[in-house]
Amino acid sequence: MPTYEYFCETNAETVEVLHSMNRTIKTWGELCECSGMTSGDTPVDTPVEKKLSAVSLLPKKGVPMETSTGGGCCGGGCGCSH
C-alpha cells in the first residue's frame, strides 16, 4: 500500500499515511481518522493538500526482489544468450 504525505495549512502539520491509490483524503478529519490521531484544535472540515512523495521500490517483507544485471547484449547481460 502506498505512503502519502498530506499538509494542513491551518496547523502547518504534515502527516504521513498509508492508504489505497483510489482513496482521496480531503479534510483534516479524514486524515486524522486514517492516521489514527486526534484532530486536536484543528476543525475536522479543514482542507488538506496531498504532497508529492517518492515511490518506494522496496519489496514486501518476505518477497524477493528481482535483480537486474543491466548492460547490453555483450556477454549475456540481457539474458538473451548472445
C-alpha atoms as a PDB file:
ATOM      1  CA  MET A   1       0.000   0.000   0.000  1.00  0.00           C
ATOM      2  CA  PRO A   2       1.440   3.407  -0.928  1.00  0.00           C
ATOM      3  CA  THR A   3       2.507   6.032   1.589  1.00  0.00           C
ATOM      4  CA  TYR A   4       1.213   9.575   1.129  1.00  0.00           C
ATOM      5  CA  GLU A   5       2.003  12.870   2.833  1.00  0.00           C
ATOM      6  CA  TYR A   6      -0.680  15.471   3.449  1.00  0.00           C
ATOM      7  CA  PHE A   7      -0.173  19.068   4.549  1.00  0.00           C
ATOM      8  CA  CYS A   8      -2.632  21.135   6.558  1.00  0.00           C
ATOM      9  CA  GLU A   9      -2.069  24.860   6.065  1.00  0.00           C
ATOM     10  CA  THR A  10      -4.192  25.754   9.101  1.00  0.00           C
ATOM     11  CA  ASN A  11      -1.968  23.979  11.637  1.00  0.00           C
ATOM     12  CA  ALA A  12       1.200  23.691   9.468  1.00  0.00           C
ATOM     13  CA  GLU A  13       1.349  19.924  10.069  1.00  0.00           C
ATOM     14  CA  THR A  14       2.471  17.301   7.574  1.00  0.00           C
ATOM     15  CA  VAL A  15       1.118  13.805   8.202  1.00  0.00           C
ATOM     16  CA  GLU A  16       2.222  10.577   6.506  1.00  0.00           C
ATOM     17  CA  VAL A  17      -0.408   7.863   5.994  1.00  0.00           C
ATOM     18  CA  LEU A  18      -0.854   4.569   4.180  1.00  0.00           C
ATOM     19  CA  HIS A  19      -3.922   4.121   2.011  1.00  0.00           C
ATOM     20  CA  SER A  20      -5.001   2.651  -1.311  1.00  0.00           C
ATOM     21  CA  MET A  21      -4.321   4.572  -4.506  1.00  0.00           C
ATOM     22  CA  ASN A  22      -8.033   5.095  -5.182  1.00  0.00           C
ATOM     23  CA  ARG A  23      -8.725   6.756  -1.817  1.00  0.00           C
ATOM     24  CA  THR A  24      -8.909  10.547  -1.679  1.00  0.00           C
ATOM     25  CA  ILE A  25      -8.394  12.417   1.594  1.00  0.00           C
ATOM     26  CA  LYS A  26      -9.666  15.983   1.506  1.00  0.00           C
ATOM     27  CA  THR A  27     -10.102  17.092   5.129  1.00  0.00           C
ATOM     28  CA  TRP A  28      -8.185  17.140   8.405  1.00  0.00           C
ATOM     29  CA  GLY A  29     -10.841  14.877   9.934  1.00  0.00           C
ATOM     30  CA  GLU A  30     -10.409  12.228   7.225  1.00  0.00           C
ATOM     31  CA  LEU A  31      -6.635  12.441   7.604  1.00  0.00           C
ATOM     32  CA  CYS A  32      -6.815  12.045  11.377  1.00  0.00           C
ATOM     33  CA  GLU A  33      -9.136   9.062  11.004  1.00  0.00           C
ATOM     34  CA  CYS A  34      -6.786   7.391   8.503  1.00  0.00           C
ATOM     35  CA  SER A  35      -3.671   8.051  10.606  1.00  0.00           C
ATOM     36  CA  GLY A  36      -5.255   7.163  13.951  1.00  0.00           C
ATOM     37  CA  MET A  37      -4.547  10.544  15.538  1.00  0.00           C
ATOM     38  CA  THR A  38      -6.900  13.033  17.165  1.00  0.00           C
ATOM     39  CA  SER A  39      -7.910  16.237  15.395  1.00  0.00           C
ATOM     40  CA  GLY A  40      -6.881  18.432  18.322  1.00  0.00           C
ATOM     41  CA  ASP A  41      -7.833  22.106  17.940  1.00  0.00           C
ATOM     42  CA  THR A  42      -7.997  21.943  14.129  1.00  0.00           C
ATOM     43  CA  PRO A  43     -11.577  21.739  12.774  1.00  0.00           C
ATOM     44  CA  VAL A  44     -12.273  18.376  11.121  1.00  0.00           C
ATOM     45  CA  ASP A  45     -13.569  20.063   7.941  1.00  0.00           C
ATOM     46  CA  THR A  46     -10.262  21.919   7.358  1.00  0.00           C
ATOM     47  CA  PRO A  47      -8.907  21.083   3.881  1.00  0.00           C
ATOM     48  CA  VAL A  48      -5.606  19.223   3.470  1.00  0.00           C
ATOM     49  CA  GLU A  49      -3.331  19.009   0.448  1.00  0.00           C
ATOM     50  CA  LYS A  50      -1.636  15.839  -0.791  1.00  0.00           C
ATOM     51  CA  LYS A  51       2.081  16.438  -1.282  1.00  0.00           C
ATOM     52  CA  LEU A  52       4.234  14.813  -3.920  1.00  0.00           C
ATOM     53  CA  SER A  53       6.167  11.948  -2.434  1.00  0.00           C
ATOM     54  CA  ALA A  54       8.712   9.423  -3.598  1.00  0.00           C
ATOM     55  CA  VAL A  55       7.551   5.941  -4.514  1.00  0.00           C
ATOM     56  CA  SER A  56       9.108   3.140  -2.522  1.00  0.00           C
ATOM     57  CA  LEU A  57      10.600   0.383  -4.632  1.00  0.00           C
ATOM     58  CA  LEU A  58      11.255  -1.863  -1.678  1.00  0.00           C
ATOM     59  CA  PRO A  59       9.672  -5.317  -1.885  1.00  0.00           C
ATOM     60  CA  LYS A  60       7.072  -6.508   0.570  1.00  0.00           C
ATOM     61  CA  LYS A  61       8.546  -8.367   3.520  1.00  0.00           C
ATOM     62  CA  GLY A  62       9.396 -11.924   2.543  1.00  0.00           C
ATOM     63  CA  VAL A  63       9.065 -11.306  -1.196  1.00  0.00           C
ATOM     64  CA  PRO A  64      12.420 -11.377  -3.014  1.00  0.00           C
ATOM     65  CA  MET A  65      13.039  -8.522  -5.413  1.00  0.00           C
ATOM     66  CA  GLU A  66      14.091  -9.352  -8.959  1.00  0.00           C
ATOM     67  CA  THR A  67      17.638  -8.350  -9.721  1.00  0.00           C
ATOM     68  CA  SER A  68      18.723  -6.592 -12.860  1.00  0.00           C
ATOM     69  CA  THR A  69      22.057  -7.406 -14.426  1.00  0.00           C
ATOM     70  CA  GLY A  70      21.871  -4.320 -16.630  1.00  0.00           C
ATOM     71  CA  GLY A  71      24.210  -3.765 -19.522  1.00  0.00           C
ATOM     72  CA  GLY A  72      23.816  -4.631 -23.163  1.00  0.00           C
ATOM     73  CA  CYS A  73      23.914  -7.837 -25.104  1.00  0.00           C
ATOM     74  CA  CYS A  74      27.682  -8.414 -24.993  1.00  0.00           C
ATOM     75  CA  GLY A  75      28.362 -11.205 -22.554  1.00  0.00           C
ATOM     76  CA  GLY A  76      24.746 -12.131 -21.987  1.00  0.00           C
ATOM     77  CA  GLY A  77      23.893  -9.300 -19.582  1.00  0.00           C
ATOM     78  CA  CYS A  78      20.413  -9.055 -21.092  1.00  0.00           C
ATOM     79  CA  GLY A  79      19.667 -12.765 -20.741  1.00  0.00           C
ATOM     80  CA  CYS A  80      19.274 -13.415 -24.478  1.00  0.00           C
ATOM     81  CA  SER A  81      22.256 -15.849 -24.578  1.00  0.00           C
ATOM     82  CA  HIS A  82      24.142 -13.969 -27.324  1.00  0.00           C
END
